[in-house]
Amino acid sequence: QVQLVESGGGLVQAGGSLRLSCAASGRTFSSYAMGWFRQAPGKQREFVAGISWRGGRTNIADSVKGRFTISRDNAKNTVNLQMNSLKPEDTAVYYCAADVAHAGSTYYPDHRTPMYDYWGQGTQVTVSS
């Protein structure tokens, strides 16, 4: 079992920055890939970014590439999402997720929702224009 708790969401003006964090507990954190997803009202949950267990490989969605960065600290059992140059269309509930089936250091983080086994409760990010 893995428990995930997100934090860091809030209200920010367009062009601003936020840093989301996800704290993991339970199964050894350093042994699986992690991802961030988001869901806006009336829309499907979509992939934002993923990171392999050692952090050596990342996968960033085209919609946020160049603005968002994913990182992890296995000593602190956290995965972070640094969001810069935020836009109103980034408004959504952001979820972190754990892909416990894939622990290889060369694994390229998957963008597909069903590949992730555990999910946090989400944190709201609102970007005002």
N, C-alpha and C. Protein backbone atom coordinates (compact mmCIF):
# COMPACT_ATOMS: atom_id res chain seq x y z
N GLN A 1 0.83 -1.20 0.00
CA GLN A 1 0.00 0.00 0.00
C GLN A 1 0.87 1.25 0.00
N VAL A 2 0.36 2.26 -0.68
CA VAL A 2 1.05 3.55 -0.75
C VAL A 2 0.02 4.63 -0.42
N GLN A 3 0.39 5.55 0.44
CA GLN A 3 -0.46 6.70 0.74
C GLN A 3 0.22 7.95 0.20
N LEU A 4 -0.57 8.77 -0.48
CA LEU A 4 -0.04 9.97 -1.12
C LEU A 4 -0.83 11.19 -0.67
N VAL A 5 -0.13 12.25 -0.29
CA VAL A 5 -0.78 13.48 0.15
C VAL A 5 -0.14 14.66 -0.56
N GLU A 6 -0.96 15.37 -1.34
CA GLU A 6 -0.47 16.54 -2.07
C GLU A 6 -0.61 17.80 -1.23
N SER A 7 0.23 18.77 -1.52
CA SER A 7 0.14 20.09 -0.88
C SER A 7 0.74 21.13 -1.82
N GLY A 8 0.47 22.40 -1.51
CA GLY A 8 1.07 23.48 -2.27
C GLY A 8 0.16 24.18 -3.26
N GLY A 9 -1.06 23.69 -3.40
CA GLY A 9 -1.98 24.34 -4.32
C GLY A 9 -2.44 25.68 -3.79
N GLY A 10 -3.13 26.43 -4.64
CA GLY A 10 -3.63 27.73 -4.22
C GLY A 10 -4.04 28.58 -5.39
N LEU A 11 -4.25 29.85 -5.11
CA LEU A 11 -4.65 30.83 -6.12
C LEU A 11 -3.44 31.69 -6.50
N VAL A 12 -3.21 31.82 -7.79
CA VAL A 12 -2.07 32.59 -8.28
C VAL A 12 -2.49 33.33 -9.55
N GLN A 13 -1.87 34.46 -9.79
CA GLN A 13 -2.15 35.20 -11.00
C GLN A 13 -1.41 34.59 -12.19
N ALA A 14 -1.94 34.81 -13.36
CA ALA A 14 -1.28 34.34 -14.57
C ALA A 14 0.15 34.88 -14.62
N GLY A 15 1.06 34.01 -15.01
CA GLY A 15 2.47 34.36 -15.04
C GLY A 15 3.21 34.02 -13.77
N GLY A 16 2.48 33.68 -12.74
CA GLY A 16 3.09 33.34 -11.46
C GLY A 16 3.55 31.90 -11.38
N SER A 17 4.00 31.52 -10.18
CA SER A 17 4.56 30.19 -9.97
C SER A 17 3.96 29.55 -8.73
N LEU A 18 3.93 28.24 -8.74
CA LEU A 18 3.56 27.44 -7.58
C LEU A 18 4.43 26.20 -7.57
N ARG A 19 4.64 25.67 -6.38
CA ARG A 19 5.38 24.42 -6.24
C ARG A 19 4.51 23.43 -5.47
N LEU A 20 4.13 22.36 -6.14
CA LEU A 20 3.35 21.31 -5.51
C LEU A 20 4.29 20.24 -4.96
N SER A 21 3.89 19.67 -3.84
CA SER A 21 4.63 18.56 -3.27
C SER A 21 3.69 17.40 -2.99
N CYS A 22 4.24 16.22 -3.06
CA CYS A 22 3.49 15.02 -2.76
C CYS A 22 4.32 14.18 -1.80
N ALA A 23 3.76 13.93 -0.63
CA ALA A 23 4.44 13.11 0.37
C ALA A 23 3.92 11.69 0.31
N ALA A 24 4.82 10.74 0.22
CA ALA A 24 4.44 9.33 0.11
C ALA A 24 4.81 8.57 1.37
N SER A 25 3.98 7.60 1.69
CA SER A 25 4.28 6.71 2.81
C SER A 25 3.79 5.31 2.46
N GLY A 26 4.31 4.35 3.20
CA GLY A 26 3.96 2.96 2.93
C GLY A 26 5.13 2.26 2.26
N ARG A 27 4.89 1.75 1.10
CA ARG A 27 5.91 1.01 0.35
C ARG A 27 7.13 1.89 0.08
N THR A 28 8.29 1.26 0.02
CA THR A 28 9.54 1.99 -0.18
C THR A 28 9.44 2.94 -1.37
N PHE A 29 9.54 4.23 -1.08
CA PHE A 29 9.28 5.27 -2.07
C PHE A 29 10.23 5.19 -3.25
N SER A 30 11.45 4.84 -3.01
CA SER A 30 12.45 4.88 -4.07
C SER A 30 12.31 3.74 -5.04
N SER A 31 11.31 2.90 -4.86
CA SER A 31 11.22 1.71 -5.70
C SER A 31 10.19 1.81 -6.81
N TYR A 32 9.60 2.98 -7.03
CA TYR A 32 8.59 3.07 -8.09
C TYR A 32 8.56 4.44 -8.76
N ALA A 33 7.97 4.46 -9.94
CA ALA A 33 7.83 5.71 -10.68
C ALA A 33 6.66 6.52 -10.12
N MET A 34 6.72 7.83 -10.35
CA MET A 34 5.68 8.73 -9.85
C MET A 34 5.20 9.63 -10.98
N GLY A 35 3.99 10.11 -10.84
CA GLY A 35 3.46 11.01 -11.85
C GLY A 35 2.57 12.08 -11.25
N TRP A 36 2.37 13.14 -12.01
CA TRP A 36 1.41 14.20 -11.69
C TRP A 36 0.38 14.25 -12.82
N PHE A 37 -0.87 14.34 -12.42
CA PHE A 37 -1.98 14.48 -13.35
C PHE A 37 -2.82 15.67 -12.90
N ARG A 38 -3.72 16.10 -13.78
CA ARG A 38 -4.64 17.17 -13.40
C ARG A 38 -5.99 16.95 -14.05
N GLN A 39 -7.01 17.51 -13.41
CA GLN A 39 -8.36 17.39 -13.94
C GLN A 39 -9.09 18.71 -13.75
N ALA A 40 -9.49 19.30 -14.86
CA ALA A 40 -10.27 20.53 -14.83
C ALA A 40 -11.75 20.17 -14.85
N PRO A 41 -12.61 21.07 -14.39
CA PRO A 41 -14.05 20.78 -14.37
C PRO A 41 -14.57 20.40 -15.75
N GLY A 42 -15.29 19.30 -15.81
CA GLY A 42 -15.87 18.86 -17.07
C GLY A 42 -14.91 18.20 -18.03
N LYS A 43 -13.68 17.99 -17.61
CA LYS A 43 -12.69 17.39 -18.49
C LYS A 43 -12.13 16.11 -17.88
N GLN A 44 -11.53 15.30 -18.74
CA GLN A 44 -10.90 14.08 -18.26
C GLN A 44 -9.58 14.39 -17.56
N ARG A 45 -9.20 13.47 -16.69
CA ARG A 45 -7.91 13.61 -16.04
C ARG A 45 -6.81 13.45 -17.08
N GLU A 46 -5.83 14.34 -17.03
CA GLU A 46 -4.76 14.30 -18.01
C GLU A 46 -3.39 14.27 -17.35
N PHE A 47 -2.47 13.65 -18.05
CA PHE A 47 -1.09 13.53 -17.60
C PHE A 47 -0.40 14.88 -17.66
N VAL A 48 0.42 15.16 -16.65
CA VAL A 48 1.21 16.39 -16.63
C VAL A 48 2.71 16.06 -16.71
N ALA A 49 3.15 15.17 -15.81
CA ALA A 49 4.58 14.85 -15.78
C ALA A 49 4.80 13.55 -15.02
N GLY A 50 5.87 12.84 -15.34
CA GLY A 50 6.23 11.62 -14.65
C GLY A 50 7.73 11.54 -14.45
N ILE A 51 8.15 10.74 -13.46
CA ILE A 51 9.56 10.64 -13.15
C ILE A 51 9.87 9.21 -12.73
N SER A 52 10.99 8.69 -13.18
CA SER A 52 11.40 7.33 -12.84
C SER A 52 11.87 7.27 -11.39
N TRP A 53 12.12 6.06 -10.90
CA TRP A 53 12.36 5.90 -9.46
C TRP A 53 13.61 6.58 -8.98
N ARG A 54 14.61 6.70 -9.82
CA ARG A 54 15.83 7.40 -9.41
C ARG A 54 15.82 8.85 -9.88
N GLY A 55 14.81 9.20 -10.66
CA GLY A 55 14.74 10.57 -11.15
C GLY A 55 15.51 10.81 -12.42
N GLY A 56 16.09 9.73 -12.97
CA GLY A 56 16.93 9.92 -14.13
C GLY A 56 16.17 10.13 -15.42
N ARG A 57 14.91 9.74 -15.43
CA ARG A 57 14.09 9.90 -16.64
C ARG A 57 12.81 10.62 -16.27
N THR A 58 12.47 11.61 -17.08
CA THR A 58 11.22 12.33 -16.87
C THR A 58 10.44 12.39 -18.18
N ASN A 59 9.15 12.52 -18.04
CA ASN A 59 8.25 12.64 -19.18
C ASN A 59 7.35 13.83 -18.89
N ILE A 60 7.36 14.82 -19.74
CA ILE A 60 6.61 16.04 -19.52
C ILE A 60 5.60 16.22 -20.65
N ALA A 61 4.37 16.51 -20.32
CA ALA A 61 3.34 16.74 -21.33
C ALA A 61 3.69 17.97 -22.17
N ASP A 62 3.35 17.91 -23.43
CA ASP A 62 3.65 19.02 -24.33
C ASP A 62 3.02 20.33 -23.86
N SER A 63 1.85 20.23 -23.25
CA SER A 63 1.12 21.43 -22.84
C SER A 63 1.83 22.21 -21.74
N VAL A 64 2.75 21.58 -21.03
CA VAL A 64 3.45 22.25 -19.93
C VAL A 64 4.95 22.23 -20.10
N LYS A 65 5.42 21.65 -21.16
CA LYS A 65 6.87 21.55 -21.39
C LYS A 65 7.49 22.94 -21.45
N GLY A 66 8.61 23.09 -20.75
CA GLY A 66 9.28 24.38 -20.69
C GLY A 66 8.79 25.26 -19.56
N ARG A 67 7.67 24.88 -18.94
CA ARG A 67 7.12 25.66 -17.82
C ARG A 67 7.11 24.87 -16.52
N PHE A 68 6.86 23.58 -16.61
CA PHE A 68 6.76 22.72 -15.42
C PHE A 68 7.98 21.80 -15.34
N THR A 69 8.40 21.52 -14.12
CA THR A 69 9.51 20.61 -13.87
C THR A 69 9.13 19.65 -12.76
N ILE A 70 9.40 18.37 -12.96
CA ILE A 70 9.13 17.38 -11.93
C ILE A 70 10.46 16.92 -11.33
N SER A 71 10.45 16.70 -10.03
CA SER A 71 11.65 16.22 -9.35
C SER A 71 11.23 15.35 -8.17
N ARG A 72 12.17 14.60 -7.63
CA ARG A 72 11.85 13.79 -6.46
C ARG A 72 13.04 13.77 -5.52
N ASP A 73 12.73 13.58 -4.25
CA ASP A 73 13.75 13.45 -3.21
C ASP A 73 13.44 12.15 -2.48
N ASN A 74 14.14 11.10 -2.83
CA ASN A 74 13.86 9.79 -2.25
C ASN A 74 14.20 9.73 -0.76
N ALA A 75 15.11 10.58 -0.31
CA ALA A 75 15.44 10.61 1.11
C ALA A 75 14.28 11.18 1.94
N LYS A 76 13.49 12.05 1.31
CA LYS A 76 12.36 12.68 1.99
C LYS A 76 11.01 12.10 1.57
N ASN A 77 11.05 11.14 0.68
CA ASN A 77 9.81 10.51 0.18
C ASN A 77 8.85 11.52 -0.42
N THR A 78 9.39 12.42 -1.22
CA THR A 78 8.54 13.44 -1.83
C THR A 78 8.81 13.54 -3.33
N VAL A 79 7.78 13.93 -4.04
CA VAL A 79 7.91 14.28 -5.45
C VAL A 79 7.30 15.67 -5.62
N ASN A 80 7.97 16.50 -6.39
CA ASN A 80 7.57 17.89 -6.52
C ASN A 80 7.24 18.25 -7.96
N LEU A 81 6.40 19.25 -8.10
CA LEU A 81 6.07 19.79 -9.42
C LEU A 81 6.23 21.30 -9.33
N GLN A 82 7.28 21.81 -9.95
CA GLN A 82 7.50 23.25 -10.01
C GLN A 82 6.78 23.78 -11.24
N MET A 83 5.86 24.71 -11.01
CA MET A 83 5.05 25.24 -12.09
C MET A 83 5.33 26.73 -12.25
N ASN A 84 5.88 27.10 -13.39
CA ASN A 84 6.20 28.49 -13.69
C ASN A 84 5.36 28.98 -14.86
N SER A 85 5.31 30.29 -15.01
CA SER A 85 4.57 30.90 -16.12
C SER A 85 3.16 30.32 -16.23
N LEU A 86 2.49 30.27 -15.13
CA LEU A 86 1.17 29.65 -15.09
C LEU A 86 0.16 30.42 -15.93
N LYS A 87 -0.76 29.66 -16.52
CA LYS A 87 -1.81 30.21 -17.38
C LYS A 87 -3.17 29.85 -16.80
N PRO A 88 -4.21 30.60 -17.13
CA PRO A 88 -5.55 30.25 -16.64
C PRO A 88 -5.95 28.82 -17.00
N GLU A 89 -5.49 28.33 -18.14
CA GLU A 89 -5.84 26.97 -18.55
C GLU A 89 -5.14 25.89 -17.74
N ASP A 90 -4.23 26.29 -16.87
CA ASP A 90 -3.62 25.33 -15.95
C ASP A 90 -4.49 25.09 -14.72
N THR A 91 -5.57 25.84 -14.59
CA THR A 91 -6.48 25.66 -13.46
C THR A 91 -7.07 24.26 -13.46
N ALA A 92 -6.90 23.57 -12.34
CA ALA A 92 -7.37 22.18 -12.23
C ALA A 92 -7.07 21.68 -10.83
N VAL A 93 -7.60 20.50 -10.53
CA VAL A 93 -7.15 19.76 -9.35
C VAL A 93 -5.96 18.91 -9.80
N TYR A 94 -4.87 19.01 -9.06
CA TYR A 94 -3.66 18.28 -9.40
C TYR A 94 -3.49 17.08 -8.46
N TYR A 95 -3.21 15.93 -9.07
CA TYR A 95 -3.07 14.68 -8.33
C TYR A 95 -1.68 14.10 -8.55
N CYS A 96 -1.10 13.56 -7.49
CA CYS A 96 0.09 12.75 -7.70
C CYS A 96 -0.32 11.28 -7.66
N ALA A 97 0.47 10.46 -8.31
CA ALA A 97 0.14 9.06 -8.45
C ALA A 97 1.40 8.22 -8.45
N ALA A 98 1.26 6.98 -8.02
CA ALA A 98 2.39 6.06 -7.95
C ALA A 98 2.19 4.88 -8.89
N ASP A 99 3.21 4.60 -9.66
CA ASP A 99 3.22 3.45 -10.57
C ASP A 99 4.16 2.41 -9.95
N VAL A 100 3.63 1.56 -9.10
CA VAL A 100 4.47 0.66 -8.31
C VAL A 100 4.96 -0.55 -9.10
N ALA A 101 4.41 -0.74 -10.29
CA ALA A 101 4.81 -1.92 -11.07
C ALA A 101 6.10 -1.70 -11.83
N HIS A 102 6.54 -0.45 -11.92
CA HIS A 102 7.69 -0.15 -12.75
C HIS A 102 8.76 0.56 -11.94
N ALA A 103 9.80 -0.18 -11.64
CA ALA A 103 10.85 0.35 -10.78
C ALA A 103 12.19 0.46 -11.49
N GLY A 104 12.26 0.10 -12.74
CA GLY A 104 13.53 0.13 -13.44
C GLY A 104 14.07 1.53 -13.60
N SER A 105 15.37 1.68 -13.49
CA SER A 105 15.99 3.00 -13.60
C SER A 105 15.90 3.55 -15.02
N THR A 106 15.70 2.68 -15.99
CA THR A 106 15.60 3.14 -17.37
C THR A 106 14.15 3.26 -17.83
N TYR A 107 13.24 3.02 -16.93
CA TYR A 107 11.80 3.07 -17.29
C TYR A 107 11.39 4.49 -17.63
N TYR A 108 10.71 4.63 -18.77
CA TYR A 108 10.21 5.94 -19.19
C TYR A 108 8.81 6.10 -18.62
N PRO A 109 8.59 7.07 -17.75
CA PRO A 109 7.30 7.21 -17.08
C PRO A 109 6.13 7.28 -18.05
N ASP A 110 5.11 6.50 -17.75
CA ASP A 110 3.96 6.39 -18.65
C ASP A 110 3.01 7.56 -18.46
N HIS A 111 2.30 7.93 -19.52
CA HIS A 111 1.34 9.02 -19.46
C HIS A 111 -0.09 8.53 -19.24
N ARG A 112 -0.27 7.22 -19.24
CA ARG A 112 -1.61 6.68 -19.19
C ARG A 112 -2.10 6.48 -17.76
N THR A 113 -3.26 6.98 -17.48
CA THR A 113 -3.85 6.92 -16.14
C THR A 113 -3.92 5.51 -15.57
N PRO A 114 -4.34 4.50 -16.34
CA PRO A 114 -4.47 3.15 -15.77
C PRO A 114 -3.15 2.52 -15.32
N MET A 115 -2.04 3.10 -15.72
CA MET A 115 -0.75 2.53 -15.34
C MET A 115 -0.40 2.86 -13.89
N TYR A 116 -1.12 3.78 -13.30
CA TYR A 116 -0.83 4.23 -11.94
C TYR A 116 -1.78 3.56 -10.95
N ASP A 117 -1.20 3.07 -9.87
CA ASP A 117 -1.94 2.21 -8.95
C ASP A 117 -2.51 2.95 -7.75
N TYR A 118 -1.84 4.00 -7.32
CA TYR A 118 -2.26 4.73 -6.13
C TYR A 118 -2.33 6.22 -6.45
N TRP A 119 -3.32 6.86 -5.83
CA TRP A 119 -3.58 8.27 -6.11
C TRP A 119 -3.77 9.04 -4.81
N GLY A 120 -3.34 10.30 -4.84
CA GLY A 120 -3.64 11.19 -3.74
C GLY A 120 -5.02 11.80 -3.88
N GLN A 121 -5.39 12.64 -2.92
CA GLN A 121 -6.71 13.26 -2.92
C GLN A 121 -6.78 14.50 -3.81
N GLY A 122 -5.64 15.04 -4.17
CA GLY A 122 -5.61 16.18 -5.07
C GLY A 122 -5.47 17.50 -4.33
N THR A 123 -4.95 18.48 -5.04
CA THR A 123 -4.83 19.84 -4.52
C THR A 123 -5.24 20.82 -5.61
N GLN A 124 -6.04 21.80 -5.24
CA GLN A 124 -6.60 22.73 -6.22
C GLN A 124 -5.58 23.80 -6.59
N VAL A 125 -5.45 24.01 -7.89
CA VAL A 125 -4.63 25.11 -8.41
C VAL A 125 -5.55 25.99 -9.25
N THR A 126 -5.61 27.27 -8.91
CA THR A 126 -6.44 28.21 -9.65
C THR A 126 -5.57 29.36 -10.12
N VAL A 127 -5.59 29.59 -11.43
CA VAL A 127 -4.80 30.66 -12.03
C VAL A 127 -5.75 31.72 -12.55
N SER A 128 -5.64 32.91 -12.02
CA SER A 128 -6.53 34.00 -12.44
C SER A 128 -5.88 34.81 -13.57
N SER A 129 -6.74 35.32 -14.44
CA SER A 129 -6.22 36.08 -15.60
C SER A 129 -6.06 37.55 -15.26
